Protein backbone atom coordinates (compact mmCIF):
# COMPACT_ATOMS: atom_id res chain seq x y z
CA MET A 1 -28.63 -24.29 25.88
CA ASP A 2 -26.85 -25.94 22.94
CA LEU A 3 -26.85 -23.55 19.98
CA SER A 4 -25.16 -25.99 17.61
CA PHE A 5 -26.39 -25.63 14.04
CA THR A 6 -25.65 -29.28 13.32
CA ARG A 7 -26.63 -31.27 16.45
CA HIS A 8 -30.34 -31.63 15.67
CA PRO A 9 -29.95 -32.05 11.88
CA GLN A 10 -27.41 -34.81 12.49
CA SER A 11 -29.76 -36.48 14.94
CA VAL A 12 -32.28 -36.93 12.12
CA GLY A 13 -29.66 -37.93 9.54
CA GLU A 14 -29.42 -34.65 7.64
CA SER A 15 -26.92 -31.92 6.96
CA TYR A 16 -27.72 -28.37 8.07
CA GLY A 17 -28.72 -27.42 4.51
CA GLU A 18 -30.89 -30.50 4.02
CA HIS A 19 -32.65 -29.88 7.32
CA MET A 20 -33.24 -26.24 6.47
CA GLY A 21 -34.79 -27.26 3.14
CA VAL A 22 -37.12 -29.75 4.79
CA ALA A 23 -38.10 -27.30 7.54
CA TRP A 24 -38.76 -24.54 5.00
CA SER A 25 -40.80 -26.96 2.91
CA PHE A 26 -43.02 -27.66 5.91
CA GLY A 27 -43.14 -23.99 6.87
CA PHE A 28 -44.10 -22.62 3.46
CA THR A 29 -46.67 -25.39 3.02
CA LEU A 30 -48.21 -24.46 6.37
CA ILE A 31 -48.25 -20.76 5.45
CA GLY A 32 -50.07 -21.60 2.21
CA ALA A 33 -52.58 -23.79 4.04
CA GLY A 34 -53.10 -21.10 6.65
CA LEU A 35 -53.82 -18.50 3.99
CA ALA A 36 -56.25 -20.91 2.32
CA CYS A 37 -58.02 -21.36 5.68
CA LEU A 38 -58.29 -17.59 6.14
CA VAL A 39 -59.81 -17.20 2.68
CA HIS A 40 -62.12 -20.14 3.37
CA GLY A 41 -63.38 -18.35 6.49
CA LEU A 42 -64.48 -15.43 4.32
CA LEU A 43 -65.56 -17.48 1.32
CA PRO A 44 -66.79 -20.87 2.58
CA PHE A 45 -67.02 -22.28 -0.95
CA ALA A 46 -63.30 -21.69 -1.55
CA PHE A 47 -60.56 -24.09 -0.40
CA GLU A 48 -63.07 -26.41 1.30
CA ARG A 49 -60.57 -29.19 1.95
CA THR A 50 -57.19 -27.51 1.47
CA GLY A 51 -56.36 -27.08 5.15
CA SER A 52 -57.35 -30.57 6.27
CA LYS A 53 -55.71 -32.28 3.28
CA THR A 54 -52.51 -30.33 3.85
CA VAL A 55 -52.40 -31.19 7.55
CA ARG A 56 -52.94 -34.89 6.81
CA ARG A 57 -50.25 -34.88 4.10
CA LEU A 58 -47.73 -33.12 6.35
CA ASN A 59 -48.57 -35.46 9.24
CA ASP A 60 -47.87 -38.46 6.99
CA ARG A 61 -44.54 -36.92 5.92
CA LEU A 62 -43.54 -36.07 9.45
CA SER A 63 -44.56 -39.46 10.84
CA SER A 64 -42.48 -41.19 8.18
CA ARG A 65 -39.48 -38.94 8.88
CA CYS A 66 -39.77 -39.55 12.64
CA ALA A 67 -39.91 -43.30 12.14
CA GLN A 68 -36.78 -43.16 9.97
CA ALA A 69 -34.94 -41.00 12.50
CA ASP A 70 -35.98 -43.32 15.36
CA ALA A 71 -34.72 -46.32 13.40
CA GLN A 72 -31.39 -44.61 12.72
CA LEU A 73 -31.06 -43.71 16.39
CA ALA A 74 -31.88 -47.27 17.45
CA ASP A 75 -29.33 -48.66 14.96
CA ALA A 76 -26.67 -46.27 16.25
CA HIS A 77 -27.47 -47.14 19.87
CA PHE A 78 -27.47 -50.87 19.11
CA GLY A 79 -24.07 -50.51 17.43
CA GLU A 80 -22.68 -48.74 20.49
CA THR A 81 -24.10 -51.45 22.77
CA VAL A 82 -22.55 -54.25 20.69
CA ARG A 83 -19.15 -52.50 20.51
CA GLY A 84 -19.24 -51.28 24.14
């Protein structure tokens, strides 16, 4: 198992600190949405769309980030192929 703190962040074009910030942003947003869902379960009139809106927003962010990382990886691979 590779325990490198930089391998995965570099693979998505980020430093360790940048990647930690993005991951924490997703994590804290999910915690907030989860709490809103728990409250909604008790009080159905509260936070009626918070969970679903949050999931959609995070999915859009993640999809965009994945597409960017895939493009960077393809560019790097193409460069290696041309040079190789």
